Amino acid sequence: MSFLDFLQSLGLELPTPAYLIGVMLFGIVGAVAWWHGKKTLRPTPKWLGLALMLYPYAVPQTWLLYVIGSALCAWLAWSWRE
């Protein structure tokens, strides 16, 4: 029995490459938004950036990761124009 089979028998699965790419993409966007919001003293981009960096820890499905991340990015783009 390999280690991966052992983990699967415990109910644990490795994330897909699409999930990992989404985590990195939204994490980078979130870090930039947080940094910009902190630098310009604008609370909305700062908190949206923090949300973009942290929400993947609570979302197990790939499709839901992209839906929530896209919604947060749209909100960030809308608030960035103000």
C-alpha atoms as a PDB file:
ATOM      1  CA  MET A   1       0.000   0.000   0.000  1.00  0.00           C
ATOM      2  CA  SER A   2       1.425   3.354  -1.029  1.00  0.00           C
ATOM      3  CA  PHE A   3       1.211   6.504   1.015  1.00  0.00           C
ATOM      4  CA  LEU A   4      -1.364   8.012  -1.379  1.00  0.00           C
ATOM      5  CA  ASP A   5      -3.570   4.938  -1.006  1.00  0.00           C
ATOM      6  CA  PHE A   6      -3.251   5.252   2.755  1.00  0.00           C
ATOM      7  CA  LEU A   7      -4.312   8.925   2.647  1.00  0.00           C
ATOM      8  CA  GLN A   8      -7.265   8.087   0.417  1.00  0.00           C
ATOM      9  CA  SER A   9      -8.346   5.349   2.809  1.00  0.00           C
ATOM     10  CA  LEU A  10      -8.436   8.040   5.514  1.00  0.00           C
ATOM     11  CA  GLY A  11     -10.675  10.183   3.299  1.00  0.00           C
ATOM     12  CA  LEU A  12      -7.999  12.723   2.336  1.00  0.00           C
ATOM     13  CA  GLU A  13      -7.397  13.702  -1.280  1.00  0.00           C
ATOM     14  CA  LEU A  14      -4.770  15.851  -2.914  1.00  0.00           C
ATOM     15  CA  PRO A  15      -6.015  19.032  -4.615  1.00  0.00           C
ATOM     16  CA  THR A  16      -6.217  19.165  -8.399  1.00  0.00           C
ATOM     17  CA  PRO A  17      -3.819  21.329 -10.419  1.00  0.00           C
ATOM     18  CA  ALA A  18      -6.724  23.664 -11.287  1.00  0.00           C
ATOM     19  CA  TYR A  19      -7.396  24.189  -7.586  1.00  0.00           C
ATOM     20  CA  LEU A  20      -3.734  24.925  -6.858  1.00  0.00           C
ATOM     21  CA  ILE A  21      -3.551  27.409  -9.746  1.00  0.00           C
ATOM     22  CA  GLY A  22      -6.671  29.156  -8.455  1.00  0.00           C
ATOM     23  CA  VAL A  23      -5.245  29.372  -4.938  1.00  0.00           C
ATOM     24  CA  MET A  24      -2.024  30.913  -6.238  1.00  0.00           C
ATOM     25  CA  LEU A  25      -3.808  33.288  -8.624  1.00  0.00           C
ATOM     26  CA  PHE A  26      -6.291  34.636  -6.092  1.00  0.00           C
ATOM     27  CA  GLY A  27      -3.613  34.705  -3.396  1.00  0.00           C
ATOM     28  CA  ILE A  28      -1.340  36.898  -5.516  1.00  0.00           C
ATOM     29  CA  VAL A  29      -4.205  39.226  -6.464  1.00  0.00           C
ATOM     30  CA  GLY A  30      -5.172  39.391  -2.797  1.00  0.00           C
ATOM     31  CA  ALA A  31      -1.630  40.183  -1.673  1.00  0.00           C
ATOM     32  CA  VAL A  32      -1.356  43.022  -4.207  1.00  0.00           C
ATOM     33  CA  ALA A  33      -4.762  44.401  -3.196  1.00  0.00           C
ATOM     34  CA  TRP A  34      -3.902  44.187   0.502  1.00  0.00           C
ATOM     35  CA  TRP A  35      -0.574  45.932  -0.044  1.00  0.00           C
ATOM     36  CA  HIS A  36      -2.147  48.675  -2.170  1.00  0.00           C
ATOM     37  CA  GLY A  37      -5.011  49.195   0.281  1.00  0.00           C
ATOM     38  CA  LYS A  38      -2.585  49.411   3.180  1.00  0.00           C
ATOM     39  CA  LYS A  39      -0.298  51.820   1.336  1.00  0.00           C
ATOM     40  CA  THR A  40      -3.109  54.153   0.222  1.00  0.00           C
ATOM     41  CA  LEU A  41      -5.055  53.844   3.513  1.00  0.00           C
ATOM     42  CA  ARG A  42      -8.147  52.517   1.707  1.00  0.00           C
ATOM     43  CA  PRO A  43      -9.909  49.899   3.834  1.00  0.00           C
ATOM     44  CA  THR A  44     -12.045  48.215   1.140  1.00  0.00           C
ATOM     45  CA  PRO A  45      -9.182  46.962  -1.074  1.00  0.00           C
ATOM     46  CA  LYS A  46      -7.208  46.016   2.022  1.00  0.00           C
ATOM     47  CA  TRP A  47      -9.981  43.809   3.440  1.00  0.00           C
ATOM     48  CA  LEU A  48     -10.911  42.371   0.044  1.00  0.00           C
ATOM     49  CA  GLY A  49      -7.259  41.454  -0.438  1.00  0.00           C
ATOM     50  CA  LEU A  50      -7.217  39.710   2.912  1.00  0.00           C
ATOM     51  CA  ALA A  51     -10.397  37.858   1.989  1.00  0.00           C
ATOM     52  CA  LEU A  52      -8.872  36.768  -1.336  1.00  0.00           C
ATOM     53  CA  MET A  53      -5.824  35.408   0.461  1.00  0.00           C
ATOM     54  CA  LEU A  54      -7.720  33.519   3.166  1.00  0.00           C
ATOM     55  CA  TYR A  55     -10.968  32.187   1.674  1.00  0.00           C
ATOM     56  CA  PRO A  56      -9.361  29.217  -0.164  1.00  0.00           C
ATOM     57  CA  TYR A  57      -8.712  27.594   3.214  1.00  0.00           C
ATOM     58  CA  ALA A  58     -12.490  27.269   3.712  1.00  0.00           C
ATOM     59  CA  VAL A  59     -13.508  26.225   0.169  1.00  0.00           C
ATOM     60  CA  PRO A  60     -12.927  22.573  -0.794  1.00  0.00           C
ATOM     61  CA  GLN A  61     -14.484  22.527  -4.311  1.00  0.00           C
ATOM     62  CA  THR A  62     -12.618  23.911  -7.326  1.00  0.00           C
ATOM     63  CA  TRP A  63     -15.683  25.384  -9.012  1.00  0.00           C
ATOM     64  CA  LEU A  64     -16.670  27.205  -5.822  1.00  0.00           C
ATOM     65  CA  LEU A  65     -13.114  28.522  -5.443  1.00  0.00           C
ATOM     66  CA  TYR A  66     -13.347  30.157  -8.874  1.00  0.00           C
ATOM     67  CA  VAL A  67     -16.882  31.504  -8.355  1.00  0.00           C
ATOM     68  CA  ILE A  68     -16.070  33.169  -5.027  1.00  0.00           C
ATOM     69  CA  GLY A  69     -12.672  34.369  -6.248  1.00  0.00           C
ATOM     70  CA  SER A  70     -14.174  35.893  -9.379  1.00  0.00           C
ATOM     71  CA  ALA A  71     -16.873  37.646  -7.341  1.00  0.00           C
ATOM     72  CA  LEU A  72     -14.299  39.050  -4.915  1.00  0.00           C
ATOM     73  CA  CYS A  73     -12.087  40.191  -7.815  1.00  0.00           C
ATOM     74  CA  ALA A  74     -15.064  41.901  -9.483  1.00  0.00           C
ATOM     75  CA  TRP A  75     -15.884  43.674  -6.216  1.00  0.00           C
ATOM     76  CA  LEU A  76     -12.230  44.653  -5.888  1.00  0.00           C
ATOM     77  CA  ALA A  77     -12.129  46.040  -9.445  1.00  0.00           C
ATOM     78  CA  TRP A  78     -15.333  47.990  -8.800  1.00  0.00           C
ATOM     79  CA  SER A  79     -14.041  49.440  -5.525  1.00  0.00           C
ATOM     80  CA  TRP A  80     -10.617  50.188  -7.035  1.00  0.00           C
ATOM     81  CA  ARG A  81     -12.183  52.679  -9.493  1.00  0.00           C
ATOM     82  CA  GLU A  82     -13.599  54.837  -6.695  1.00  0.00           C
END
